[in-house]
Structure formats: structure tokens, C-alpha cells
Amino acid sequence: RQRQMCIRDSSCVLIAGNIYRRNKTRKTAAIALIVGALVMTGAMVLMNLVLTPIFLGTSMEEVIPMLMPAIIPFNLIKAGLNCAITFVLYKSISHLLKGE
């Protein structure tokens, strides 16, 4: 479970961070977070295809029909909320993250 969270979160952070690092504006931050959320969703879909059959004792063929009605929307909403919260809070706490 922890490894899954690490892969999911790092996929978003690495993409968004690399995009934002090149041009530190609000517009770039928004674009970076959107791209990061999409990459995070893609990573979670792949992980759900592998891990859901293991945890639920089902086959991958049973998980695939759940992608569009459940797995993808849930992960898009979750990633979108994470990124929206980050967008709103980042500036006010960035000095803490930078050690200033």
C-alpha cells in the first residue's frame, strides 16, 4: 500500500515539478498540475489493473470493465483535488518547504 502511494504521488510530483521549474508562473503551475494529475491517473489505472486482482482475488478481465465507470473517474477526481489543494496552498507554505 505504501509503495503504491509512493509511485502514485511521485508520478505527479516529478512531472509537475519539472514543468514548473522551467517557468515559475501561476499559468505554468496550473498546466504542470493538470499534466501531473493526468500522469498520476494513468499510473493509478496501471496499478489498479495489477493490484486489484491480487487484493480482490479476481482476474484482470473482471477489472477492465470497471475502468471507465469507476476507476478512471475516481482517480481523476482524487488527483484533481490533490492538485487543486496544492495550487491554492503552495505559495503560502513554500517558505517552509524551502527552509526559509
C-alpha atoms as a PDB file:
ATOM      1  CA  ARG A   1       0.000   0.000   0.000  1.00  0.00           C
ATOM      2  CA  GLN A   2       2.811   2.429   0.868  1.00  0.00           C
ATOM      3  CA  ARG A   3       4.694   1.567  -2.313  1.00  0.00           C
ATOM      4  CA  GLN A   4       1.538   2.242  -4.325  1.00  0.00           C
ATOM      5  CA  MET A   5       1.176   5.675  -2.702  1.00  0.00           C
ATOM      6  CA  CYS A   6       4.830   6.467  -3.350  1.00  0.00           C
ATOM      7  CA  ILE A   7       4.589   5.608  -7.060  1.00  0.00           C
ATOM      8  CA  ARG A   8       1.293   7.442  -7.470  1.00  0.00           C
ATOM      9  CA  ASP A   9       2.409  10.625  -5.753  1.00  0.00           C
ATOM     10  CA  SER A  10       5.886  10.664  -7.239  1.00  0.00           C
ATOM     11  CA  SER A  11       4.495  10.354 -10.758  1.00  0.00           C
ATOM     12  CA  CYS A  12       2.565  13.594 -10.239  1.00  0.00           C
ATOM     13  CA  VAL A  13       5.302  15.424  -8.343  1.00  0.00           C
ATOM     14  CA  LEU A  14       8.082  14.581 -10.807  1.00  0.00           C
ATOM     15  CA  ILE A  15       6.121  15.680 -13.850  1.00  0.00           C
ATOM     16  CA  ALA A  16       4.597  18.801 -12.285  1.00  0.00           C
ATOM     17  CA  GLY A  17       7.846  19.806 -10.613  1.00  0.00           C
ATOM     18  CA  ASN A  18       9.887  19.522 -13.804  1.00  0.00           C
ATOM     19  CA  ILE A  19       7.383  21.559 -15.791  1.00  0.00           C
ATOM     20  CA  TYR A  20       7.049  24.254 -13.095  1.00  0.00           C
ATOM     21  CA  ARG A  21      10.822  24.502 -12.587  1.00  0.00           C
ATOM     22  CA  ARG A  22      11.325  25.826 -16.128  1.00  0.00           C
ATOM     23  CA  ASN A  23       8.953  28.781 -15.788  1.00  0.00           C
ATOM     24  CA  LYS A  24       7.658  29.660 -12.324  1.00  0.00           C
ATOM     25  CA  THR A  25       4.357  31.367 -13.096  1.00  0.00           C
ATOM     26  CA  ARG A  26       0.794  30.647 -11.961  1.00  0.00           C
ATOM     27  CA  LYS A  27      -0.142  29.617 -15.514  1.00  0.00           C
ATOM     28  CA  THR A  28       2.761  27.163 -15.713  1.00  0.00           C
ATOM     29  CA  ALA A  29       1.899  25.847 -12.255  1.00  0.00           C
ATOM     30  CA  ALA A  30      -1.684  25.187 -13.351  1.00  0.00           C
ATOM     31  CA  ILE A  31      -0.540  23.445 -16.545  1.00  0.00           C
ATOM     32  CA  ALA A  32       2.049  21.431 -14.611  1.00  0.00           C
ATOM     33  CA  LEU A  33      -0.534  20.286 -12.077  1.00  0.00           C
ATOM     34  CA  ILE A  34      -3.020  19.308 -14.787  1.00  0.00           C
ATOM     35  CA  VAL A  35      -0.389  17.253 -16.603  1.00  0.00           C
ATOM     36  CA  GLY A  36       0.730  15.777 -13.277  1.00  0.00           C
ATOM     37  CA  ALA A  37      -2.848  14.803 -12.408  1.00  0.00           C
ATOM     38  CA  LEU A  38      -3.268  13.083 -15.779  1.00  0.00           C
ATOM     39  CA  VAL A  39       0.009  11.177 -15.361  1.00  0.00           C
ATOM     40  CA  MET A  40      -0.957  10.249 -11.811  1.00  0.00           C
ATOM     41  CA  THR A  41      -4.308   8.960 -13.070  1.00  0.00           C
ATOM     42  CA  GLY A  42      -2.564   6.878 -15.725  1.00  0.00           C
ATOM     43  CA  ALA A  43      -0.198   5.416 -13.133  1.00  0.00           C
ATOM     44  CA  MET A  44      -3.121   4.571 -10.871  1.00  0.00           C
ATOM     45  CA  VAL A  45      -5.014   2.869 -13.699  1.00  0.00           C
ATOM     46  CA  LEU A  46      -2.000   0.649 -14.379  1.00  0.00           C
ATOM     47  CA  MET A  47      -1.607  -0.098 -10.681  1.00  0.00           C
ATOM     48  CA  ASN A  48      -5.304  -0.895 -10.350  1.00  0.00           C
ATOM     49  CA  LEU A  49      -5.027  -3.327 -13.249  1.00  0.00           C
ATOM     50  CA  VAL A  50      -2.215  -5.142 -11.456  1.00  0.00           C
ATOM     51  CA  LEU A  51      -3.111  -4.812  -7.781  1.00  0.00           C
ATOM     52  CA  THR A  52      -6.911  -5.020  -7.749  1.00  0.00           C
ATOM     53  CA  PRO A  53      -6.913  -8.638  -8.984  1.00  0.00           C
ATOM     54  CA  ILE A  54      -4.378  -9.524  -6.285  1.00  0.00           C
ATOM     55  CA  PHE A  55      -6.283  -7.876  -3.421  1.00  0.00           C
ATOM     56  CA  LEU A  56      -9.774  -8.897  -4.551  1.00  0.00           C
ATOM     57  CA  GLY A  57      -8.811 -12.315  -5.863  1.00  0.00           C
ATOM     58  CA  THR A  58     -10.318 -11.575  -9.278  1.00  0.00           C
ATOM     59  CA  SER A  59      -8.917 -11.615 -12.792  1.00  0.00           C
ATOM     60  CA  MET A  60      -7.733  -8.615 -14.787  1.00  0.00           C
ATOM     61  CA  GLU A  61     -10.596  -9.286 -17.214  1.00  0.00           C
ATOM     62  CA  GLU A  62     -13.028  -8.507 -14.379  1.00  0.00           C
ATOM     63  CA  VAL A  63     -11.243  -5.250 -13.536  1.00  0.00           C
ATOM     64  CA  ILE A  64     -11.084  -3.873 -17.114  1.00  0.00           C
ATOM     65  CA  PRO A  65     -14.866  -3.205 -17.346  1.00  0.00           C
ATOM     66  CA  MET A  66     -14.587  -1.145 -14.150  1.00  0.00           C
ATOM     67  CA  LEU A  67     -12.069   1.288 -15.696  1.00  0.00           C
ATOM     68  CA  MET A  68     -14.438   3.831 -17.275  1.00  0.00           C
ATOM     69  CA  PRO A  69     -17.333   3.814 -14.823  1.00  0.00           C
ATOM     70  CA  ALA A  70     -15.296   3.671 -11.597  1.00  0.00           C
ATOM     71  CA  ILE A  71     -11.501   3.564 -11.592  1.00  0.00           C
ATOM     72  CA  ILE A  72     -10.634   6.384 -14.021  1.00  0.00           C
ATOM     73  CA  PRO A  73     -13.220   8.904 -12.722  1.00  0.00           C
ATOM     74  CA  PHE A  74     -12.274   8.211  -9.095  1.00  0.00           C
ATOM     75  CA  ASN A  75      -8.572   8.682  -9.805  1.00  0.00           C
ATOM     76  CA  LEU A  76      -9.176  11.831 -11.888  1.00  0.00           C
ATOM     77  CA  ILE A  77     -11.211  13.362  -9.059  1.00  0.00           C
ATOM     78  CA  LYS A  78      -8.649  12.350  -6.443  1.00  0.00           C
ATOM     79  CA  ALA A  79      -5.692  13.673  -8.457  1.00  0.00           C
ATOM     80  CA  GLY A  80      -7.615  16.837  -9.348  1.00  0.00           C
ATOM     81  CA  LEU A  81      -8.418  17.554  -5.700  1.00  0.00           C
ATOM     82  CA  ASN A  82      -4.815  16.918  -4.651  1.00  0.00           C
ATOM     83  CA  CYS A  83      -3.544  19.293  -7.329  1.00  0.00           C
ATOM     84  CA  ALA A  84      -6.185  21.952  -6.624  1.00  0.00           C
ATOM     85  CA  ILE A  85      -5.273  21.962  -2.931  1.00  0.00           C
ATOM     86  CA  THR A  86      -1.590  22.154  -3.847  1.00  0.00           C
ATOM     87  CA  PHE A  87      -2.256  25.082  -6.205  1.00  0.00           C
ATOM     88  CA  VAL A  88      -4.120  27.017  -3.516  1.00  0.00           C
ATOM     89  CA  LEU A  89      -1.719  26.307  -0.641  1.00  0.00           C
ATOM     90  CA  TYR A  90       1.720  26.170  -2.278  1.00  0.00           C
ATOM     91  CA  LYS A  91       2.619  29.856  -2.198  1.00  0.00           C
ATOM     92  CA  SER A  92       1.627  30.289   1.434  1.00  0.00           C
ATOM     93  CA  ILE A  93       3.723  27.332   2.645  1.00  0.00           C
ATOM     94  CA  SER A  94       6.565  27.350   0.112  1.00  0.00           C
ATOM     95  CA  HIS A  95       8.858  29.219   2.536  1.00  0.00           C
ATOM     96  CA  LEU A  96       8.519  26.283   4.963  1.00  0.00           C
ATOM     97  CA  LEU A  97       9.397  23.783   2.246  1.00  0.00           C
ATOM     98  CA  LYS A  98      12.434  25.802   1.185  1.00  0.00           C
ATOM     99  CA  GLY A  99      13.656  26.141   4.781  1.00  0.00           C
ATOM    100  CA  GLU A 100      13.417  29.941   4.893  1.00  0.00           C
END
